[in-house]
């Protein structure tokens, strides 16, 4: 077992139990207490856990990572809308990579209808969603199964991605900020996601508004590497998510906000092309004549007249 894998397993044991003895850690990772003590010291230096006499405990600042059953019931409508928009970005005959997550699982269900598609993934859930799509080829990485999110991680997964080149990578994570980019709470998952990014010419992040402004332990994709973000419109009272969207746009990320059943997706463009005030009512793109202009729902007569004038031009 590599040192990174061993330390990740130690972290997961501490998070699951709150406190674990060095003897128990050594038994599970199948190494000596001297080696485990060195690992615990290194993890403490990173602020990931606290050492105690004869063991390790969880620091107060971090919470346990939610498992798949909990995540699958969070923001389900938003994830569905995001997946609908993201699927529209994929063209017939493309080769893409799709990372692990509940949102990417929703995307995979829609990709089953795209003919000639090749999907590389480390997610068992993504592969399962495409298993019966006879016009889609699925390529799975190697690696060690991480049961909490049904993903293959570790050196085997990373090595299988070496030399790969595809058009796009679709990834999700635990948090997204303009300052740090996409992040996750698991070391091994973050490492595989970074390998997926290296294989793609373009990176598309799928993240619902609950993840905007949240920053978790391990960075996966820096902001300057993210080409596009597909998200849902944050509630009007969610100032943090709205401000984070604008900050991401200011840094050059192209942002697509999924609409409701009768709304087209809206875009928040980087400065120099178009700016949109956030947060606010759901946005709509009016049509070809108004490409680059944002129309807010519920405008008054004066605003509609201005739009009509723009159309005539």
Foldseek 3Di string as FASTA:
>chain_A
DDLQVLLLVLLLVQQVPQKDFLVVSCVVSVHDSVSSVVSQVVCVVLVQWADDVRIIGGDPPDHHDAFPVVQLPPPVVFLLLLLVVVLVVDAAQFEEEEEFDNSSLSNLLSVLPRANYEYEYQAPSSCVSNVPSPRYHYHYFAADADPRGRGHWDPRRLVRLPPAAGAEYEYEEQAAFLQFGGFHAGDGSLVNLLSSLVRHPAYEYEDELVRYPDDHDGGRDGLLRHAEYEYAQDPQVPPRSFVRVQSSQQSAYWYWHGDDPPAHIDIAHHPPQEHDRPDDAHWHQDDDLRVSDIDHPPDDPVVVVVVVVSSVD
